[in-house]
PDB file of N, CA and C in Angstrom:
ATOM      1  N   MET A   1      13.203   2.760  -1.001  1.00  0.00           N
ATOM      2  CA  MET A   1      12.149   1.818  -1.210  1.00  0.00           C
ATOM      3  C   MET A   1      11.522   1.900   0.120  1.00  0.00           C
ATOM      4  N   ILE A   2      10.077   2.226   0.209  1.00  0.00           N
ATOM      5  CA  ILE A   2       9.261   2.013   1.382  1.00  0.00           C
ATOM      6  C   ILE A   2       8.435   0.877   1.365  1.00  0.00           C
ATOM      7  N   ILE A   3       8.501   0.235   2.541  1.00  0.00           N
ATOM      8  CA  ILE A   3       7.653  -1.094   2.665  1.00  0.00           C
ATOM      9  C   ILE A   3       6.546  -0.609   3.784  1.00  0.00           C
ATOM     10  N   ILE A   4       5.415  -0.830   3.290  1.00  0.00           N
ATOM     11  CA  ILE A   4       4.213  -0.669   4.159  1.00  0.00           C
ATOM     12  C   ILE A   4       3.548  -2.006   4.371  1.00  0.00           C
ATOM     13  N   ASP A   5       3.562  -2.367   5.777  1.00  0.00           N
ATOM     14  CA  ASP A   5       2.892  -3.644   6.078  1.00  0.00           C
ATOM     15  C   ASP A   5       1.529  -3.176   6.516  1.00  0.00           C
ATOM     16  N   LEU A   6       0.530  -3.490   5.773  1.00  0.00           N
ATOM     17  CA  LEU A   6      -0.831  -3.014   6.020  1.00  0.00           C
ATOM     18  C   LEU A   6      -1.438  -3.581   7.277  1.00  0.00           C
ATOM     19  N   SER A   7      -0.890  -4.718   7.749  1.00  0.00           N
ATOM     20  CA  SER A   7      -1.436  -5.232   9.068  1.00  0.00           C
ATOM     21  C   SER A   7      -1.059  -4.320  10.266  1.00  0.00           C
ATOM     22  N   THR A   8      -0.177  -3.407  10.020  1.00  0.00           N
ATOM     23  CA  THR A   8       0.220  -2.425  11.184  1.00  0.00           C
ATOM     24  C   THR A   8      -0.626  -1.153  11.199  1.00  0.00           C
ATOM     25  N   VAL A   9      -1.530  -0.954  10.134  1.00  0.00           N
ATOM     26  CA  VAL A   9      -2.310   0.292  10.136  1.00  0.00           C
ATOM     27  C   VAL A   9      -3.611   0.098  10.908  1.00  0.00           C
ATOM     28  N   PHE A  10      -4.020  -1.012  11.247  1.00  0.00           N
ATOM     29  CA  PHE A  10      -5.336  -1.206  11.973  1.00  0.00           C
ATOM     30  C   PHE A  10      -5.035  -2.144  13.164  1.00  0.00           C
ATOM     31  N   ASP A  11      -5.989  -2.077  14.198  1.00  0.00           N
ATOM     32  CA  ASP A  11      -5.979  -2.979  15.344  1.00  0.00           C
ATOM     33  C   ASP A  11      -6.916  -4.067  15.091  1.00  0.00           C
ATOM     34  N   ASN A  12      -6.491  -5.271  15.304  1.00  0.00           N
ATOM     35  CA  ASN A  12      -7.365  -6.544  15.253  1.00  0.00           C
ATOM     36  C   ASN A  12      -8.029  -6.723  13.870  1.00  0.00           C
ATOM     37  N   VAL A  13      -9.039  -5.864  13.730  1.00  0.00           N
ATOM     38  CA  VAL A  13      -9.929  -6.131  12.399  1.00  0.00           C
ATOM     39  C   VAL A  13     -10.026  -4.736  11.808  1.00  0.00           C
ATOM     40  N   ALA A  14      -9.740  -4.847  10.528  1.00  0.00           N
ATOM     41  CA  ALA A  14      -9.911  -3.570   9.748  1.00  0.00           C
ATOM     42  C   ALA A  14     -11.299  -3.151   9.528  1.00  0.00           C
ATOM     43  N   LYS A  15     -11.689  -2.008   9.598  1.00  0.00           N
ATOM     44  CA  LYS A  15     -13.131  -1.607   9.598  1.00  0.00           C
ATOM     45  C   LYS A  15     -13.152  -0.582   8.442  1.00  0.00           C
ATOM     46  N   LEU A  16     -14.121  -0.761   7.497  1.00  0.00           N
ATOM     47  CA  LEU A  16     -14.347   0.179   6.451  1.00  0.00           C
ATOM     48  C   LEU A  16     -14.663   1.482   6.780  1.00  0.00           C
ATOM     49  N   SER A  17     -15.208   1.756   8.033  1.00  0.00           N
ATOM     50  CA  SER A  17     -15.595   2.903   8.464  1.00  0.00           C
ATOM     51  C   SER A  17     -14.352   3.834   9.039  1.00  0.00           C
ATOM     52  N   ASN A  18     -13.249   3.122   9.067  1.00  0.00           N
ATOM     53  CA  ASN A  18     -11.874   3.792   9.544  1.00  0.00           C
ATOM     54  C   ASN A  18     -11.005   3.955   8.351  1.00  0.00           C
ATOM     55  N   LEU A  19     -11.537   3.736   7.034  1.00  0.00           N
ATOM     56  CA  LEU A  19     -10.626   3.818   5.831  1.00  0.00           C
ATOM     57  C   LEU A  19      -9.946   5.110   5.757  1.00  0.00           C
ATOM     58  N   ASP A  20     -10.478   6.239   6.018  1.00  0.00           N
ATOM     59  CA  ASP A  20      -9.834   7.451   5.849  1.00  0.00           C
ATOM     60  C   ASP A  20      -8.459   7.471   6.786  1.00  0.00           C
ATOM     61  N   GLU A  21      -8.672   7.004   8.020  1.00  0.00           N
ATOM     62  CA  GLU A  21      -7.554   6.822   8.979  1.00  0.00           C
ATOM     63  C   GLU A  21      -6.461   5.997   8.417  1.00  0.00           C
ATOM     64  N   TYR A  22      -6.753   4.859   7.845  1.00  0.00           N
ATOM     65  CA  TYR A  22      -5.898   3.925   7.332  1.00  0.00           C
ATOM     66  C   TYR A  22      -5.050   4.565   6.033  1.00  0.00           C
ATOM     67  N   LEU A  23      -5.928   5.204   5.246  1.00  0.00           N
ATOM     68  CA  LEU A  23      -5.270   5.842   4.037  1.00  0.00           C
ATOM     69  C   LEU A  23      -4.234   6.946   4.451  1.00  0.00           C
ATOM     70  N   GLY A  24      -4.644   7.756   5.430  1.00  0.00           N
ATOM     71  CA  GLY A  24      -3.913   8.889   5.957  1.00  0.00           C
ATOM     72  C   GLY A  24      -2.341   8.251   6.531  1.00  0.00           C
ATOM     73  N   LYS A  25      -2.396   7.071   7.194  1.00  0.00           N
ATOM     74  CA  LYS A  25      -1.340   6.431   7.621  1.00  0.00           C
ATOM     75  C   LYS A  25      -0.445   6.096   6.575  1.00  0.00           C
ATOM     76  N   CYS A  26      -1.030   5.411   5.509  1.00  0.00           N
ATOM     77  CA  CYS A  26      -0.365   4.860   4.418  1.00  0.00           C
ATOM     78  C   CYS A  26       0.335   5.922   3.630  1.00  0.00           C
ATOM     79  N   MET A  27      -0.427   7.084   3.430  1.00  0.00           N
ATOM     80  CA  MET A  27       0.048   8.204   2.633  1.00  0.00           C
ATOM     81  C   MET A  27       1.198   8.850   3.248  1.00  0.00           C
ATOM     82  N   ASN A  28       1.128   8.995   4.571  1.00  0.00           N
ATOM     83  CA  ASN A  28       2.403   9.476   5.285  1.00  0.00           C
ATOM     84  C   ASN A  28       3.582   8.670   5.136  1.00  0.00           C
ATOM     85  N   LEU A  29       3.340   7.416   5.259  1.00  0.00           N
ATOM     86  CA  LEU A  29       4.489   6.419   5.166  1.00  0.00           C
ATOM     87  C   LEU A  29       5.063   6.312   3.943  1.00  0.00           C
ATOM     88  N   ALA A  30       4.201   6.440   2.837  1.00  0.00           N
ATOM     89  CA  ALA A  30       4.664   6.271   1.389  1.00  0.00           C
ATOM     90  C   ALA A  30       5.580   7.402   0.836  1.00  0.00           C
ATOM     91  N   GLY A  31       5.502   8.541   1.511  1.00  0.00           N
ATOM     92  CA  GLY A  31       6.256   9.667   0.999  1.00  0.00           C
ATOM     93  C   GLY A  31       5.876  10.214  -0.453  1.00  0.00           C
ATOM     94  N   GLU A  32       6.683  10.737  -1.080  1.00  0.00           N
ATOM     95  CA  GLU A  32       6.450  11.223  -2.459  1.00  0.00           C
ATOM     96  C   GLU A  32       7.404  10.921  -3.443  1.00  0.00           C
ATOM     97  N   GLY A  33       6.886  10.246  -4.608  1.00  0.00           N
ATOM     98  CA  GLY A  33       7.702   9.783  -5.641  1.00  0.00           C
ATOM     99  C   GLY A  33       8.613   8.656  -5.323  1.00  0.00           C
ATOM    100  N   ASP A  34       8.307   7.863  -4.366  1.00  0.00           N
ATOM    101  CA  ASP A  34       9.215   6.731  -3.903  1.00  0.00           C
ATOM    102  C   ASP A  34       8.714   5.311  -4.640  1.00  0.00           C
ATOM    103  N   GLU A  35       9.484   4.325  -4.596  1.00  0.00           N
ATOM    104  CA  GLU A  35       8.937   3.045  -4.847  1.00  0.00           C
ATOM    105  C   GLU A  35       8.458   2.393  -3.454  1.00  0.00           C
ATOM    106  N   VAL A  36       7.200   1.920  -3.601  1.00  0.00           N
ATOM    107  CA  VAL A  36       6.473   1.533  -2.274  1.00  0.00           C
ATOM    108  C   VAL A  36       6.077   0.031  -2.466  1.00  0.00           C
ATOM    109  N   ILE A  37       6.322  -0.715  -1.483  1.00  0.00           N
ATOM    110  CA  ILE A  37       5.958  -2.158  -1.473  1.00  0.00           C
ATOM    111  C   ILE A  37       4.766  -2.290  -0.347  1.00  0.00           C
ATOM    112  N   LEU A  38       3.719  -2.892  -0.744  1.00  0.00           N
ATOM    113  CA  LEU A  38       2.571  -3.179   0.143  1.00  0.00           C
ATOM    114  C   LEU A  38       2.691  -4.601   0.497  1.00  0.00           C
ATOM    115  N   THR A  39       2.498  -4.904   1.773  1.00  0.00           N
ATOM    116  CA  THR A  39       2.662  -6.310   2.308  1.00  0.00           C
ATOM    117  C   THR A  39       1.752  -6.503   3.490  1.00  0.00           C
ATOM    118  N   GLY A  40       1.684  -7.653   4.030  1.00  0.00           N
ATOM    119  CA  GLY A  40       1.113  -7.919   5.283  1.00  0.00           C
ATOM    120  C   GLY A  40      -0.332  -8.410   5.196  1.00  0.00           C
ATOM    121  N   SER A  41      -0.910  -8.942   6.219  1.00  0.00           N
ATOM    122  CA  SER A  41      -2.233  -9.490   6.186  1.00  0.00           C
ATOM    123  C   SER A  41      -3.301  -8.286   6.433  1.00  0.00           C
ATOM    124  N   ALA A  42      -4.177  -8.234   5.359  1.00  0.00           N
ATOM    125  CA  ALA A  42      -5.081  -7.171   5.366  1.00  0.00           C
ATOM    126  C   ALA A  42      -6.340  -7.595   4.430  1.00  0.00           C
ATOM    127  N   PRO A  43      -7.377  -7.014   4.617  1.00  0.00           N
ATOM    128  CA  PRO A  43      -8.402  -7.392   3.665  1.00  0.00           C
ATOM    129  C   PRO A  43      -8.157  -6.708   2.200  1.00  0.00           C
ATOM    130  N   VAL A  44      -8.699  -7.472   1.234  1.00  0.00           N
ATOM    131  CA  VAL A  44      -8.466  -7.022  -0.219  1.00  0.00           C
ATOM    132  C   VAL A  44      -8.920  -5.591  -0.269  1.00  0.00           C
ATOM    133  N   TRP A  45     -10.133  -5.254   0.169  1.00  0.00           N
ATOM    134  CA  TRP A  45     -10.576  -3.886  -0.026  1.00  0.00           C
ATOM    135  C   TRP A  45      -9.587  -2.746   0.485  1.00  0.00           C
ATOM    136  N   LEU A  46      -8.774  -3.118   1.520  1.00  0.00           N
ATOM    137  CA  LEU A  46      -7.737  -2.105   2.012  1.00  0.00           C
ATOM    138  C   LEU A  46      -6.539  -2.135   1.011  1.00  0.00           C
ATOM    139  N   TYR A  47      -6.139  -3.164   0.436  1.00  0.00           N
ATOM    140  CA  TYR A  47      -5.135  -3.212  -0.561  1.00  0.00           C
ATOM    141  C   TYR A  47      -5.578  -2.380  -1.709  1.00  0.00           C
ATOM    142  N   LEU A  48      -6.796  -2.586  -2.186  1.00  0.00           N
ATOM    143  CA  LEU A  48      -7.189  -1.839  -3.442  1.00  0.00           C
ATOM    144  C   LEU A  48      -7.256  -0.302  -3.195  1.00  0.00           C
ATOM    145  N   ALA A  49      -7.906  -0.123  -1.961  1.00  0.00           N
ATOM    146  CA  ALA A  49      -7.985   1.431  -1.574  1.00  0.00           C
ATOM    147  C   ALA A  49      -6.654   2.193  -1.533  1.00  0.00           C
ATOM    148  N   VAL A  50      -5.691   1.390  -0.842  1.00  0.00           N
ATOM    149  CA  VAL A  50      -4.342   1.995  -0.731  1.00  0.00           C
ATOM    150  C   VAL A  50      -3.703   2.137  -2.071  1.00  0.00           C
ATOM    151  N   ALA A  51      -3.818   1.162  -3.004  1.00  0.00           N
ATOM    152  CA  ALA A  51      -3.105   1.167  -4.261  1.00  0.00           C
ATOM    153  C   ALA A  51      -3.774   2.341  -5.008  1.00  0.00           C
ATOM    154  N   HIS A  52      -4.996   2.508  -5.076  1.00  0.00           N
ATOM    155  CA  HIS A  52      -5.731   3.651  -5.717  1.00  0.00           C
ATOM    156  C   HIS A  52      -5.053   4.981  -5.260  1.00  0.00           C
ATOM    157  N   ALA A  53      -5.032   5.111  -3.814  1.00  0.00           N
ATOM    158  CA  ALA A  53      -4.548   6.384  -3.298  1.00  0.00           C
ATOM    159  C   ALA A  53      -3.178   6.656  -3.550  1.00  0.00           C
ATOM    160  N   LEU A  54      -2.342   5.651  -3.758  1.00  0.00           N
ATOM    161  CA  LEU A  54      -1.002   5.874  -4.125  1.00  0.00           C
ATOM    162  C   LEU A  54      -0.722   6.133  -5.597  1.00  0.00           C
ATOM    163  N   HIS A  55      -1.663   5.932  -6.428  1.00  0.00           N
ATOM    164  CA  HIS A  55      -1.411   6.155  -7.825  1.00  0.00           C
ATOM    165  C   HIS A  55      -1.294   7.599  -8.056  1.00  0.00           C
ATOM    166  N   GLY A  56      -0.070   8.064  -8.645  1.00  0.00           N
ATOM    167  CA  GLY A  56       0.106   9.534  -8.865  1.00  0.00           C
ATOM    168  C   GLY A  56       0.973  10.030  -7.646  1.00  0.00           C
ATOM    169  N   LYS A  57       1.129   9.294  -6.639  1.00  0.00           N
ATOM    170  CA  LYS A  57       1.968   9.627  -5.496  1.00  0.00           C
ATOM    171  C   LYS A  57       3.255   8.743  -5.422  1.00  0.00           C
ATOM    172  N   ALA A  58       3.104   7.490  -5.558  1.00  0.00           N
ATOM    173  CA  ALA A  58       4.331   6.725  -5.691  1.00  0.00           C
ATOM    174  C   ALA A  58       4.807   6.585  -7.082  1.00  0.00           C
ATOM    175  N   LYS A  59       6.074   6.337  -7.190  1.00  0.00           N
ATOM    176  CA  LYS A  59       6.591   6.107  -8.522  1.00  0.00           C
ATOM    177  C   LYS A  59       6.425   4.792  -9.159  1.00  0.00           C
ATOM    178  N   LYS A  60       6.496   3.823  -8.121  1.00  0.00           N
ATOM    179  CA  LYS A  60       6.222   2.287  -8.486  1.00  0.00           C
ATOM    180  C   LYS A  60       5.674   1.680  -7.226  1.00  0.00           C
ATOM    181  N   LEU A  61       4.606   0.914  -7.592  1.00  0.00           N
ATOM    182  CA  LEU A  61       3.927   0.138  -6.473  1.00  0.00           C
ATOM    183  C   LEU A  61       4.056  -1.309  -6.628  1.00  0.00           C
ATOM    184  N   ILE A  62       4.520  -2.055  -5.639  1.00  0.00           N
ATOM    185  CA  ILE A  62       4.633  -3.544  -5.760  1.00  0.00           C
ATOM    186  C   ILE A  62       3.821  -4.210  -4.546  1.00  0.00           C
ATOM    187  N   TYR A  63       3.234  -5.335  -4.726  1.00  0.00           N
ATOM    188  CA  TYR A  63       2.574  -6.093  -3.966  1.00  0.00           C
ATOM    189  C   TYR A  63       3.554  -7.244  -3.597  1.00  0.00           C
ATOM    190  N   ARG A  64       3.706  -7.483  -2.378  1.00  0.00           N
ATOM    191  CA  ARG A  64       4.693  -8.580  -1.893  1.00  0.00           C
ATOM    192  C   ARG A  64       3.995  -9.531  -0.993  1.00  0.00           C
ATOM    193  N   SER A  65       4.107 -10.895  -1.421  1.00  0.00           N
ATOM    194  CA  SER A  65       3.536 -11.831  -0.659  1.00  0.00           C
ATOM    195  C   SER A  65       4.574 -13.119  -0.537  1.00  0.00           C
ATOM    196  N   PRO A  66       4.395 -13.923   0.402  1.00  0.00           N
ATOM    197  CA  PRO A  66       5.228 -15.203   0.386  1.00  0.00           C
ATOM    198  C   PRO A  66       4.850 -16.066  -0.725  1.00  0.00           C
ATOM    199  N   VAL A  67       3.517 -16.030  -1.064  1.00  0.00           N
ATOM    200  CA  VAL A  67       3.070 -16.908  -2.095  1.00  0.00           C
ATOM    201  C   VAL A  67       3.496 -16.466  -3.471  1.00  0.00           C
ATOM    202  N   THR A  68       3.248 -15.188  -3.790  1.00  0.00           N
ATOM    203  CA  THR A  68       3.368 -14.783  -5.071  1.00  0.00           C
ATOM    204  C   THR A  68       4.782 -14.091  -5.390  1.00  0.00           C
ATOM    205  N   GLY A  69       5.363 -13.721  -4.231  1.00  0.00           N
ATOM    206  CA  GLY A  69       6.684 -12.955  -4.425  1.00  0.00           C
ATOM    207  C   GLY A  69       6.310 -11.610  -4.749  1.00  0.00           C
ATOM    208  N   ASP A  70       7.004 -10.780  -5.426  1.00  0.00           N
ATOM    209  CA  ASP A  70       6.728  -9.347  -5.836  1.00  0.00           C
ATOM    210  C   ASP A  70       5.981  -9.399  -7.062  1.00  0.00           C
ATOM    211  N   VAL A  71       4.960  -8.501  -7.085  1.00  0.00           N
ATOM    212  CA  VAL A  71       4.007  -8.443  -8.190  1.00  0.00           C
ATOM    213  C   VAL A  71       3.926  -6.802  -8.393  1.00  0.00           C
ATOM    214  N   VAL A  72       4.397  -6.367  -9.546  1.00  0.00           N
ATOM    215  CA  VAL A  72       4.342  -5.002  -9.901  1.00  0.00           C
ATOM    216  C   VAL A  72       2.850  -4.512 -10.225  1.00  0.00           C
ATOM    217  N   ILE A  73       2.317  -3.618  -9.541  1.00  0.00           N
ATOM    218  CA  ILE A  73       1.056  -3.029  -9.662  1.00  0.00           C
ATOM    219  C   ILE A  73       1.090  -1.825 -10.767  1.00  0.00           C
ATOM    220  N   PHE A  74       1.959  -1.072 -10.570  1.00  0.00           N
ATOM    221  CA  PHE A  74       2.177   0.104 -11.603  1.00  0.00           C
ATOM    222  C   PHE A  74       3.694   0.517 -11.481  1.00  0.00           C
ATOM    223  N   ASP A  75       4.088   0.950 -12.482  1.00  0.00           N
ATOM    224  CA  ASP A  75       5.658   1.525 -12.667  1.00  0.00           C
ATOM    225  C   ASP A  75       5.551   2.579 -13.496  1.00  0.00           C
ATOM    226  N   HIS A  76       5.714   3.809 -12.923  1.00  0.00           N
ATOM    227  CA  HIS A  76       5.722   5.097 -13.652  1.00  0.00           C
ATOM    228  C   HIS A  76       7.136   5.706 -13.848  1.00  0.00           C
ATOM    229  N   ASP A  77       8.138   4.862 -13.598  1.00  0.00           N
ATOM    230  CA  ASP A  77       9.542   5.294 -13.696  1.00  0.00           C
ATOM    231  C   ASP A  77       9.837   5.377 -15.157  1.00  0.00           C
ATOM    232  N   PRO A  78      10.253   6.457 -15.835  1.00  0.00           N
ATOM    233  CA  PRO A  78      10.498   6.442 -17.195  1.00  0.00           C
ATOM    234  C   PRO A  78      12.033   5.694 -17.555  1.00  0.00           C
ATOM    235  N   PHE A  79      12.525   5.331 -16.660  1.00  0.00           N
ATOM    236  CA  PHE A  79      13.793   4.595 -16.925  1.00  0.00           C
ATOM    237  C   PHE A  79      13.790   3.339 -16.520  1.00  0.00           C
TER     238      PHE A  79
END
């Protein structure tokens, strides 16, 4: 299981103009075919973009927050 803290992929303030850089970092961290957890303080647009990019790359994607706990975004594990 891979945990990606989105607050670590940018400095101070996330900028839409740097989205490709953020996605590249997340894709490298996610690996291929793993279960991935997204967490950390980040703008909603960054969460959405990363989730979209990981679809088809991650086996399972989970959003984790202290408020909601774990929320499964998608699960493509046939078992």
